Amino acid sequence: MQPTVSNRNEYLLQKDYLKILLEYYYPFHFFAIFRAHELYNVEPYIKFLQSPILDIGCGDGFIAYLLFGKQIEFGIDSSIDAVDRAMRKNAYKQTFLGDAHNIPLESNSLGGIFSNCALEHIPQTDMLLSEIVRVLKPGAYFIATALSPFYYDLNPVFRWFDRKGLRWLRKRIIDAENILHNHVSIYIKENYADMFNSIGMSLEIHKYYCTEDIAYFCTQWDTLSKYIIPCPSLLTHGGVLTKYLILRYGRRPRGRQLDLWHKKFFTLCYQRNESNNRGVGQILIARKK
């Protein structure tokens, strides 16, 4: 159940994603806010996943451990560095280096699959979902967060260029963004519903998160920083504005600054709105029939 205003502080004492992630991603407060908001919105659905659970695109395992509050069974990632870090952290009982199109587990063996912001980076989504349905037990759930096509409309940088005479530049910037972040598979709700239905799954819940107010704050730091002087030439993944954060706040977390950010962005981060009809990200909850 979503916490009310009266019990929200008590609820967050159990797991304050913002506080934890502000320190983890310091000094990149904009990324901590986005990720904490994302986890807060997907958290109510994690109860649908039963052991054993696989995390697709697991990275170093920190996000899954934070969300589930325990070590889950399996993680898989195509990055050698990510898998190495996950293994050193003992994030999963078993971590696989490999392609999620070929999951090294038996058919009908998993009670749930989770994936956090990985689907947009994996090509051939139909083949990936076919592999997911293969390893899931009948009735088991797949829960994922994924980038939404609305990202390009809600991003204030991309939106500013959406005007006569500049749309060609907007397209070049978006293309550069997709190449930089390896965005190869971005679909609307209806596309996902059709793909799930075609392989014997049903998309039972779909919701958007990171609406315009959060998107405005978070993406202006990340996007604008990469496309400056001259636009749309690519500078670096952590561009001018993110380097400014390092110079201003240092690389090591400062308690007073963390407290100030936590207080300032608490309300912005911890919001759920079931009626959102668009957002930077989308939550997909699908069940194997």
C-alpha atoms as a PDB file:
ATOM      1  CA  MET A   1       0.000   0.000   0.000  1.00  0.00           C
ATOM      2  CA  GLN A   2       1.287   3.451  -0.859  1.00  0.00           C
ATOM      3  CA  PRO A   3       2.207   5.351   2.298  1.00  0.00           C
ATOM      4  CA  THR A   4       0.151   8.402   3.146  1.00  0.00           C
ATOM      5  CA  VAL A   5       1.674  11.766   3.983  1.00  0.00           C
ATOM      6  CA  SER A   6       1.158  11.088   7.684  1.00  0.00           C
ATOM      7  CA  ASN A   7       3.147   7.842   7.713  1.00  0.00           C
ATOM      8  CA  ARG A   8       5.627   8.525   4.902  1.00  0.00           C
ATOM      9  CA  ASN A   9       8.556   9.445   7.148  1.00  0.00           C
ATOM     10  CA  GLU A  10       8.032   6.322   9.255  1.00  0.00           C
ATOM     11  CA  TYR A  11       7.861   4.216   6.096  1.00  0.00           C
ATOM     12  CA  LEU A  12      11.082   5.650   4.729  1.00  0.00           C
ATOM     13  CA  LEU A  13      12.982   4.905   7.914  1.00  0.00           C
ATOM     14  CA  GLN A  14      12.888   1.284   6.736  1.00  0.00           C
ATOM     15  CA  LYS A  15      14.467   2.011   3.348  1.00  0.00           C
ATOM     16  CA  ASP A  16      15.295   5.577   2.358  1.00  0.00           C
ATOM     17  CA  TYR A  17      16.542   5.101  -1.205  1.00  0.00           C
ATOM     18  CA  LEU A  18      17.316   8.782  -1.639  1.00  0.00           C
ATOM     19  CA  LYS A  19      19.579   9.000   1.388  1.00  0.00           C
ATOM     20  CA  ILE A  20      21.469   5.857   0.400  1.00  0.00           C
ATOM     21  CA  LEU A  21      21.853   6.756  -3.261  1.00  0.00           C
ATOM     22  CA  LEU A  22      22.862  10.377  -2.686  1.00  0.00           C
ATOM     23  CA  GLU A  23      25.917   8.998  -0.923  1.00  0.00           C
ATOM     24  CA  TYR A  24      26.455   6.149  -3.400  1.00  0.00           C
ATOM     25  CA  TYR A  25      26.395   8.393  -6.499  1.00  0.00           C
ATOM     26  CA  TYR A  26      27.905  11.498  -4.867  1.00  0.00           C
ATOM     27  CA  PRO A  27      28.219  14.192  -6.131  1.00  0.00           C
ATOM     28  CA  PHE A  28      25.815  13.326  -8.972  1.00  0.00           C
ATOM     29  CA  HIS A  29      22.644  14.194  -7.082  1.00  0.00           C
ATOM     30  CA  PHE A  30      20.503  14.228 -10.235  1.00  0.00           C
ATOM     31  CA  PHE A  31      21.182  10.534 -10.895  1.00  0.00           C
ATOM     32  CA  ALA A  32      20.527   9.589  -7.266  1.00  0.00           C
ATOM     33  CA  ILE A  33      17.152  11.363  -7.385  1.00  0.00           C
ATOM     34  CA  PHE A  34      16.123   9.594 -10.587  1.00  0.00           C
ATOM     35  CA  ARG A  35      17.199   6.158  -9.367  1.00  0.00           C
ATOM     36  CA  ALA A  36      15.632   6.569  -5.913  1.00  0.00           C
ATOM     37  CA  HIS A  37      12.352   7.699  -7.489  1.00  0.00           C
ATOM     38  CA  GLU A  38      12.496   4.698  -9.810  1.00  0.00           C
ATOM     39  CA  LEU A  39      13.045   2.193  -6.989  1.00  0.00           C
ATOM     40  CA  TYR A  40      10.331   3.796  -4.865  1.00  0.00           C
ATOM     41  CA  ASN A  41       7.855   3.301  -7.710  1.00  0.00           C
ATOM     42  CA  VAL A  42       8.779  -0.292  -8.577  1.00  0.00           C
ATOM     43  CA  GLU A  43       9.071  -1.441  -4.949  1.00  0.00           C
ATOM     44  CA  PRO A  44       5.348  -2.272  -4.399  1.00  0.00           C
ATOM     45  CA  TYR A  45       5.449  -4.894  -7.167  1.00  0.00           C
ATOM     46  CA  ILE A  46       8.521  -6.839  -6.050  1.00  0.00           C
ATOM     47  CA  LYS A  47       6.288  -9.033  -3.893  1.00  0.00           C
ATOM     48  CA  PHE A  48       5.112 -10.754  -7.096  1.00  0.00           C
ATOM     49  CA  LEU A  49       8.562 -12.302  -7.605  1.00  0.00           C
ATOM     50  CA  GLN A  50       9.204 -15.659  -5.971  1.00  0.00           C
ATOM     51  CA  SER A  51      12.525 -17.432  -5.536  1.00  0.00           C
ATOM     52  CA  PRO A  52      14.618 -18.262  -7.404  1.00  0.00           C
ATOM     53  CA  ILE A  53      14.980 -14.827  -9.034  1.00  0.00           C
ATOM     54  CA  LEU A  54      17.200 -13.682 -11.914  1.00  0.00           C
ATOM     55  CA  ASP A  55      18.364 -10.077 -12.402  1.00  0.00           C
ATOM     56  CA  ILE A  56      18.934  -9.293 -16.103  1.00  0.00           C
ATOM     57  CA  GLY A  57      21.516  -6.551 -16.727  1.00  0.00           C
ATOM     58  CA  CYS A  58      22.546  -6.864 -13.106  1.00  0.00           C
ATOM     59  CA  GLY A  59      25.551  -4.517 -13.106  1.00  0.00           C
ATOM     60  CA  ASP A  60      27.423  -4.684  -9.811  1.00  0.00           C
ATOM     61  CA  GLY A  61      24.304  -5.906  -7.992  1.00  0.00           C
ATOM     62  CA  PHE A  62      23.914  -2.890  -5.735  1.00  0.00           C
ATOM     63  CA  ILE A  63      20.479  -1.859  -7.042  1.00  0.00           C
ATOM     64  CA  ALA A  64      18.996  -5.349  -6.692  1.00  0.00           C
ATOM     65  CA  TYR A  65      20.410  -5.760  -3.195  1.00  0.00           C
ATOM     66  CA  LEU A  66      19.033  -2.378  -2.188  1.00  0.00           C
ATOM     67  CA  LEU A  67      15.593  -3.105  -3.638  1.00  0.00           C
ATOM     68  CA  PHE A  68      15.177  -6.690  -2.424  1.00  0.00           C
ATOM     69  CA  GLY A  69      17.031  -6.156   0.833  1.00  0.00           C
ATOM     70  CA  LYS A  70      18.810  -9.477   0.441  1.00  0.00           C
ATOM     71  CA  GLN A  71      21.026 -11.526  -1.846  1.00  0.00           C
ATOM     72  CA  ILE A  72      18.923 -12.982  -4.654  1.00  0.00           C
ATOM     73  CA  GLU A  73      19.836 -16.092  -6.573  1.00  0.00           C
ATOM     74  CA  PHE A  74      21.092 -15.070 -10.014  1.00  0.00           C
ATOM     75  CA  GLY A  75      22.455 -12.106 -11.940  1.00  0.00           C
ATOM     76  CA  ILE A  76      23.514 -11.894 -15.573  1.00  0.00           C
ATOM     77  CA  ASP A  77      25.351  -9.131 -17.432  1.00  0.00           C
ATOM     78  CA  SER A  78      27.347  -8.851 -20.643  1.00  0.00           C
ATOM     79  CA  SER A  79      29.982  -6.589 -19.039  1.00  0.00           C
ATOM     80  CA  ILE A  80      33.055  -8.357 -17.678  1.00  0.00           C
ATOM     81  CA  ASP A  81      33.738  -5.445 -15.332  1.00  0.00           C
ATOM     82  CA  ALA A  82      30.169  -5.443 -13.964  1.00  0.00           C
ATOM     83  CA  VAL A  83      30.169  -9.197 -13.363  1.00  0.00           C
ATOM     84  CA  ASP A  84      33.567  -8.994 -11.676  1.00  0.00           C
ATOM     85  CA  ARG A  85      32.323  -6.280  -9.311  1.00  0.00           C
ATOM     86  CA  ALA A  86      29.125  -8.211  -8.564  1.00  0.00           C
ATOM     87  CA  MET A  87      31.133 -11.329  -7.735  1.00  0.00           C
ATOM     88  CA  ARG A  88      33.554  -9.425  -5.509  1.00  0.00           C
ATOM     89  CA  LYS A  89      30.574  -7.944  -3.648  1.00  0.00           C
ATOM     90  CA  ASN A  90      28.928 -11.376  -3.411  1.00  0.00           C
ATOM     91  CA  ALA A  91      25.804  -9.654  -4.715  1.00  0.00           C
ATOM     92  CA  TYR A  92      24.214 -12.845  -6.051  1.00  0.00           C
ATOM     93  CA  LYS A  93      24.450 -16.517  -5.201  1.00  0.00           C
ATOM     94  CA  GLN A  94      25.578 -17.027  -8.791  1.00  0.00           C
ATOM     95  CA  THR A  95      26.536 -14.433 -11.413  1.00  0.00           C
ATOM     96  CA  PHE A  96      26.701 -15.169 -15.137  1.00  0.00           C
ATOM     97  CA  LEU A  97      28.750 -13.371 -17.750  1.00  0.00           C
ATOM     98  CA  GLY A  98      26.801 -13.574 -20.959  1.00  0.00           C
ATOM     99  CA  ASP A  99      24.021 -12.646 -23.289  1.00  0.00           C
ATOM    100  CA  ALA A 100      20.490 -12.595 -21.863  1.00  0.00           C
ATOM    101  CA  HIS A 101      19.305 -14.112 -25.149  1.00  0.00           C
ATOM    102  CA  ASN A 102      20.930 -17.325 -23.891  1.00  0.00           C
ATOM    103  CA  ILE A 103      20.275 -17.643 -20.166  1.00  0.00           C
ATOM    104  CA  PRO A 104      22.244 -20.602 -18.726  1.00  0.00           C
ATOM    105  CA  LEU A 105      19.331 -21.942 -16.679  1.00  0.00           C
ATOM    106  CA  GLU A 106      16.846 -24.752 -17.205  1.00  0.00           C
ATOM    107  CA  SER A 107      13.399 -24.169 -18.680  1.00  0.00           C
ATOM    108  CA  ASN A 108      10.567 -23.457 -16.200  1.00  0.00           C
ATOM    109  CA  SER A 109      13.075 -23.000 -13.373  1.00  0.00           C
ATOM    110  CA  LEU A 110      12.624 -19.390 -12.177  1.00  0.00           C
ATOM    111  CA  GLY A 111      10.001 -17.938  -9.854  1.00  0.00           C
ATOM    112  CA  GLY A 112      10.657 -14.406 -11.073  1.00  0.00           C
ATOM    113  CA  ILE A 113      12.847 -12.195 -13.245  1.00  0.00           C
ATOM    114  CA  PHE A 114      13.779  -8.578 -12.579  1.00  0.00           C
ATOM    115  CA  SER A 115      15.489  -6.069 -14.852  1.00  0.00           C
ATOM    116  CA  ASN A 116      16.335  -2.458 -14.059  1.00  0.00           C
ATOM    117  CA  CYS A 117      16.846  -0.113 -17.028  1.00  0.00           C
ATOM    118  CA  ALA A 118      18.409  -2.813 -19.208  1.00  0.00           C
ATOM    119  CA  LEU A 119      15.784  -3.578 -21.867  1.00  0.00           C
ATOM    120  CA  GLU A 120      16.550  -0.430 -23.869  1.00  0.00           C
ATOM    121  CA  HIS A 121      20.187  -1.536 -24.202  1.00  0.00           C
ATOM    122  CA  ILE A 122      19.462  -5.058 -25.465  1.00  0.00           C
ATOM    123  CA  PRO A 123      18.754  -5.643 -29.178  1.00  0.00           C
ATOM    124  CA  GLN A 124      16.240  -8.150 -30.548  1.00  0.00           C
ATOM    125  CA  THR A 125      13.713  -7.684 -27.749  1.00  0.00           C
ATOM    126  CA  ASP A 126      11.395 -10.361 -29.138  1.00  0.00           C
ATOM    127  CA  MET A 127      14.160 -12.969 -28.833  1.00  0.00           C
ATOM    128  CA  LEU A 128      15.019 -11.764 -25.328  1.00  0.00           C
ATOM    129  CA  LEU A 129      11.402 -12.085 -24.174  1.00  0.00           C
ATOM    130  CA  SER A 130      11.179 -15.567 -25.694  1.00  0.00           C
ATOM    131  CA  GLU A 131      14.153 -16.585 -23.561  1.00  0.00           C
ATOM    132  CA  ILE A 132      12.564 -15.014 -20.497  1.00  0.00           C
ATOM    133  CA  VAL A 133       9.342 -16.977 -20.967  1.00  0.00           C
ATOM    134  CA  ARG A 134      11.386 -20.164 -21.441  1.00  0.00           C
ATOM    135  CA  VAL A 135      13.072 -20.001 -18.038  1.00  0.00           C
ATOM    136  CA  LEU A 136      10.057 -18.723 -16.061  1.00  0.00           C
ATOM    137  CA  LYS A 137       7.761 -21.131 -14.291  1.00  0.00           C
ATOM    138  CA  PRO A 138       4.089 -21.025 -15.359  1.00  0.00           C
ATOM    139  CA  GLY A 139       2.377 -18.160 -13.539  1.00  0.00           C
ATOM    140  CA  ALA A 140       5.681 -16.470 -12.642  1.00  0.00           C
ATOM    141  CA  TYR A 141       6.315 -12.754 -13.194  1.00  0.00           C
ATOM    142  CA  PHE A 142       8.806 -10.641 -15.098  1.00  0.00           C
ATOM    143  CA  ILE A 143       9.187  -7.105 -13.695  1.00  0.00           C
ATOM    144  CA  ALA A 144      11.220  -4.477 -15.516  1.00  0.00           C
ATOM    145  CA  THR A 145      11.881  -0.774 -15.615  1.00  0.00           C
ATOM    146  CA  ALA A 146      12.676   0.573 -19.062  1.00  0.00           C
ATOM    147  CA  LEU A 147      13.205   3.845 -20.857  1.00  0.00           C
ATOM    148  CA  SER A 148      10.044   5.241 -22.430  1.00  0.00           C
ATOM    149  CA  PRO A 149       9.777   7.018 -25.805  1.00  0.00           C
ATOM    150  CA  PHE A 150       8.448   9.992 -23.817  1.00  0.00           C
ATOM    151  CA  TYR A 151      12.018  10.530 -22.603  1.00  0.00           C
ATOM    152  CA  TYR A 152      12.708  12.590 -25.709  1.00  0.00           C
ATOM    153  CA  ASP A 153       9.623  14.777 -25.211  1.00  0.00           C
ATOM    154  CA  LEU A 154      10.093  15.327 -21.469  1.00  0.00           C
ATOM    155  CA  ASN A 155      13.815  16.014 -21.681  1.00  0.00           C
ATOM    156  CA  PRO A 156      14.062  19.842 -21.552  1.00  0.00           C
ATOM    157  CA  VAL A 157      17.130  19.953 -23.812  1.00  0.00           C
ATOM    158  CA  PHE A 158      15.560  17.882 -26.578  1.00  0.00           C
ATOM    159  CA  ARG A 159      12.285  19.783 -26.190  1.00  0.00           C
ATOM    160  CA  TRP A 160      13.981  23.178 -26.586  1.00  0.00           C
ATOM    161  CA  PHE A 161      15.266  22.129 -30.001  1.00  0.00           C
ATOM    162  CA  ASP A 162      11.831  20.923 -31.107  1.00  0.00           C
ATOM    163  CA  ARG A 163      11.077  24.037 -33.146  1.00  0.00           C
ATOM    164  CA  LYS A 164      11.185  25.156 -36.734  1.00  0.00           C
ATOM    165  CA  GLY A 165      14.707  25.395 -38.087  1.00  0.00           C
ATOM    166  CA  LEU A 166      16.239  23.356 -35.238  1.00  0.00           C
ATOM    167  CA  ARG A 167      14.577  19.957 -35.554  1.00  0.00           C
ATOM    168  CA  TRP A 168      17.438  18.657 -37.686  1.00  0.00           C
ATOM    169  CA  LEU A 169      19.768  19.512 -34.796  1.00  0.00           C
ATOM    170  CA  ARG A 170      17.418  17.867 -32.304  1.00  0.00           C
ATOM    171  CA  LYS A 171      17.541  14.663 -34.326  1.00  0.00           C
ATOM    172  CA  ARG A 172      21.348  14.726 -34.379  1.00  0.00           C
ATOM    173  CA  ILE A 173      21.499  15.234 -30.608  1.00  0.00           C
ATOM    174  CA  ILE A 174      19.049  12.388 -29.984  1.00  0.00           C
ATOM    175  CA  ASP A 175      21.025  10.117 -32.318  1.00  0.00           C
ATOM    176  CA  ALA A 176      24.219  10.991 -30.436  1.00  0.00           C
ATOM    177  CA  GLU A 177      22.477  10.305 -27.116  1.00  0.00           C
ATOM    178  CA  ASN A 178      21.283   6.900 -28.294  1.00  0.00           C
ATOM    179  CA  ILE A 179      24.749   5.951 -29.535  1.00  0.00           C
ATOM    180  CA  LEU A 180      26.414   7.113 -26.313  1.00  0.00           C
ATOM    181  CA  HIS A 181      24.037   5.168 -24.066  1.00  0.00           C
ATOM    182  CA  ASN A 182      23.445   2.263 -26.458  1.00  0.00           C
ATOM    183  CA  HIS A 183      19.701   2.880 -26.650  1.00  0.00           C
ATOM    184  CA  VAL A 184      18.644   0.305 -29.228  1.00  0.00           C
ATOM    185  CA  SER A 185      15.229  -0.951 -28.067  1.00  0.00           C
ATOM    186  CA  ILE A 186      12.695   1.660 -26.912  1.00  0.00           C
ATOM    187  CA  TYR A 187       9.014   0.748 -27.206  1.00  0.00           C
ATOM    188  CA  ILE A 188       5.611   2.062 -26.212  1.00  0.00           C
ATOM    189  CA  LYS A 189       3.221   0.138 -23.966  1.00  0.00           C
ATOM    190  CA  GLU A 190       1.263  -1.325 -26.886  1.00  0.00           C
ATOM    191  CA  ASN A 191       4.439  -2.730 -28.488  1.00  0.00           C
ATOM    192  CA  TYR A 192       5.365  -4.506 -25.269  1.00  0.00           C
ATOM    193  CA  ALA A 193       1.822  -5.824 -24.809  1.00  0.00           C
ATOM    194  CA  ASP A 194       1.843  -7.320 -28.301  1.00  0.00           C
ATOM    195  CA  MET A 195       5.275  -8.904 -27.829  1.00  0.00           C
ATOM    196  CA  PHE A 196       4.320 -10.439 -24.485  1.00  0.00           C
ATOM    197  CA  ASN A 197       1.039 -11.759 -25.857  1.00  0.00           C
ATOM    198  CA  SER A 198       2.785 -13.383 -28.821  1.00  0.00           C
ATOM    199  CA  ILE A 199       4.993 -15.530 -26.543  1.00  0.00           C
ATOM    200  CA  GLY A 200       2.392 -16.620 -24.006  1.00  0.00           C
ATOM    201  CA  MET A 201       2.698 -13.838 -21.442  1.00  0.00           C
ATOM    202  CA  SER A 202       0.338 -11.058 -20.456  1.00  0.00           C
ATOM    203  CA  LEU A 203       1.255  -7.466 -19.571  1.00  0.00           C
ATOM    204  CA  GLU A 204      -0.794  -7.171 -16.390  1.00  0.00           C
ATOM    205  CA  ILE A 205       0.416  -3.822 -15.040  1.00  0.00           C
ATOM    206  CA  HIS A 206       2.010  -0.867 -16.795  1.00  0.00           C
ATOM    207  CA  LYS A 207       2.788   2.526 -15.315  1.00  0.00           C
ATOM    208  CA  TYR A 208       4.991   5.526 -16.020  1.00  0.00           C
ATOM    209  CA  TYR A 209       7.361   7.203 -13.602  1.00  0.00           C
ATOM    210  CA  CYS A 210       9.705  10.209 -13.669  1.00  0.00           C
ATOM    211  CA  THR A 211       7.222  12.757 -14.916  1.00  0.00           C
ATOM    212  CA  GLU A 212       7.926  16.259 -16.145  1.00  0.00           C
ATOM    213  CA  ASP A 213       9.052  17.873 -12.891  1.00  0.00           C
ATOM    214  CA  ILE A 214      11.618  15.184 -12.086  1.00  0.00           C
ATOM    215  CA  ALA A 215      12.675  14.867 -15.729  1.00  0.00           C
ATOM    216  CA  TYR A 216      13.283  18.605 -15.949  1.00  0.00           C
ATOM    217  CA  PHE A 217      15.679  18.597 -13.018  1.00  0.00           C
ATOM    218  CA  CYS A 218      17.521  15.335 -13.722  1.00  0.00           C
ATOM    219  CA  THR A 219      17.984  15.456 -17.488  1.00  0.00           C
ATOM    220  CA  GLN A 220      19.129  19.070 -17.691  1.00  0.00           C
ATOM    221  CA  TRP A 221      22.249  18.122 -15.739  1.00  0.00           C
ATOM    222  CA  ASP A 222      22.967  14.957 -17.651  1.00  0.00           C
ATOM    223  CA  THR A 223      21.958  15.865 -21.207  1.00  0.00           C
ATOM    224  CA  LEU A 224      22.969  19.512 -21.448  1.00  0.00           C
ATOM    225  CA  SER A 225      26.360  18.712 -19.982  1.00  0.00           C
ATOM    226  CA  LYS A 226      27.210  16.454 -22.922  1.00  0.00           C
ATOM    227  CA  TYR A 227      26.216  18.711 -25.810  1.00  0.00           C
ATOM    228  CA  ILE A 228      27.893  22.073 -25.339  1.00  0.00           C
ATOM    229  CA  ILE A 229      30.393  24.086 -27.421  1.00  0.00           C
ATOM    230  CA  PRO A 230      29.693  23.267 -30.169  1.00  0.00           C
ATOM    231  CA  CYS A 231      26.363  21.443 -30.077  1.00  0.00           C
ATOM    232  CA  PRO A 232      25.809  18.610 -30.887  1.00  0.00           C
ATOM    233  CA  SER A 233      29.449  17.525 -30.635  1.00  0.00           C
ATOM    234  CA  LEU A 234      29.891  14.903 -27.967  1.00  0.00           C
ATOM    235  CA  LEU A 235      32.213  15.822 -25.125  1.00  0.00           C
ATOM    236  CA  THR A 236      32.224  13.098 -22.496  1.00  0.00           C
ATOM    237  CA  HIS A 237      29.750  10.923 -20.645  1.00  0.00           C
ATOM    238  CA  GLY A 238      30.304  13.116 -17.588  1.00  0.00           C
ATOM    239  CA  GLY A 239      30.370  16.470 -19.307  1.00  0.00           C
ATOM    240  CA  VAL A 240      30.870  20.093 -18.338  1.00  0.00           C
ATOM    241  CA  LEU A 241      28.075  20.392 -15.781  1.00  0.00           C
ATOM    242  CA  THR A 242      28.851  17.099 -14.073  1.00  0.00           C
ATOM    243  CA  LYS A 243      32.507  18.106 -13.799  1.00  0.00           C
ATOM    244  CA  TYR A 244      31.266  21.293 -12.148  1.00  0.00           C
ATOM    245  CA  LEU A 245      29.571  19.171  -9.466  1.00  0.00           C
ATOM    246  CA  ILE A 246      32.880  17.449  -8.716  1.00  0.00           C
ATOM    247  CA  LEU A 247      34.730  20.772  -8.479  1.00  0.00           C
ATOM    248  CA  ARG A 248      32.081  22.319  -6.254  1.00  0.00           C
ATOM    249  CA  TYR A 249      31.262  19.419  -3.933  1.00  0.00           C
ATOM    250  CA  GLY A 250      34.336  17.188  -4.160  1.00  0.00           C
ATOM    251  CA  ARG A 251      34.468  13.486  -4.874  1.00  0.00           C
ATOM    252  CA  ARG A 252      33.939  12.236  -1.341  1.00  0.00           C
ATOM    253  CA  PRO A 253      30.524  12.533   0.334  1.00  0.00           C
ATOM    254  CA  ARG A 254      30.070  15.441   2.721  1.00  0.00           C
ATOM    255  CA  GLY A 255      27.491  14.835   5.432  1.00  0.00           C
ATOM    256  CA  ARG A 256      26.113  18.359   5.570  1.00  0.00           C
ATOM    257  CA  GLN A 257      25.695  18.525   1.785  1.00  0.00           C
ATOM    258  CA  LEU A 258      23.967  15.143   1.733  1.00  0.00           C
ATOM    259  CA  ASP A 259      21.527  16.316   4.392  1.00  0.00           C
ATOM    260  CA  LEU A 260      20.772  19.506   2.446  1.00  0.00           C
ATOM    261  CA  TRP A 261      20.093  17.583  -0.767  1.00  0.00           C
ATOM    262  CA  HIS A 262      18.001  15.015   1.057  1.00  0.00           C
ATOM    263  CA  LYS A 263      15.784  17.689   2.558  1.00  0.00           C
ATOM    264  CA  LYS A 264      15.540  19.663  -0.677  1.00  0.00           C
ATOM    265  CA  PHE A 265      14.648  16.771  -2.988  1.00  0.00           C
ATOM    266  CA  PHE A 266      12.703  14.502  -0.628  1.00  0.00           C
ATOM    267  CA  THR A 267       9.245  15.487  -1.872  1.00  0.00           C
ATOM    268  CA  LEU A 268      10.316  15.544  -5.508  1.00  0.00           C
ATOM    269  CA  CYS A 269      11.736  12.043  -5.271  1.00  0.00           C
ATOM    270  CA  TYR A 270       9.062  10.272  -3.248  1.00  0.00           C
ATOM    271  CA  GLN A 271       5.952  10.588  -5.349  1.00  0.00           C
ATOM    272  CA  ARG A 272       3.701   8.021  -6.991  1.00  0.00           C
ATOM    273  CA  ASN A 273       0.865   8.896  -9.316  1.00  0.00           C
ATOM    274  CA  GLU A 274      -1.107   6.029 -10.800  1.00  0.00           C
ATOM    275  CA  SER A 275      -2.788   8.320 -13.334  1.00  0.00           C
ATOM    276  CA  ASN A 276       0.415   9.375 -15.136  1.00  0.00           C
ATOM    277  CA  ASN A 277      -0.033   8.935 -18.883  1.00  0.00           C
ATOM    278  CA  ARG A 278       3.602   9.563 -19.736  1.00  0.00           C
ATOM    279  CA  GLY A 279       7.006   9.547 -18.093  1.00  0.00           C
ATOM    280  CA  VAL A 280      10.716   9.154 -18.784  1.00  0.00           C
ATOM    281  CA  GLY A 281      10.545   5.559 -17.541  1.00  0.00           C
ATOM    282  CA  GLN A 282       7.963   2.788 -17.562  1.00  0.00           C
ATOM    283  CA  ILE A 283       7.346  -0.186 -15.282  1.00  0.00           C
ATOM    284  CA  LEU A 284       6.323  -3.461 -16.931  1.00  0.00           C
ATOM    285  CA  ILE A 285       4.792  -6.321 -14.941  1.00  0.00           C
ATOM    286  CA  ALA A 286       4.143  -9.373 -17.125  1.00  0.00           C
ATOM    287  CA  ARG A 287       3.046 -12.880 -16.143  1.00  0.00           C
ATOM    288  CA  LYS A 288       3.699 -16.179 -17.908  1.00  0.00           C
ATOM    289  CA  LYS A 289       0.362 -17.821 -18.674  1.00  0.00           C
END
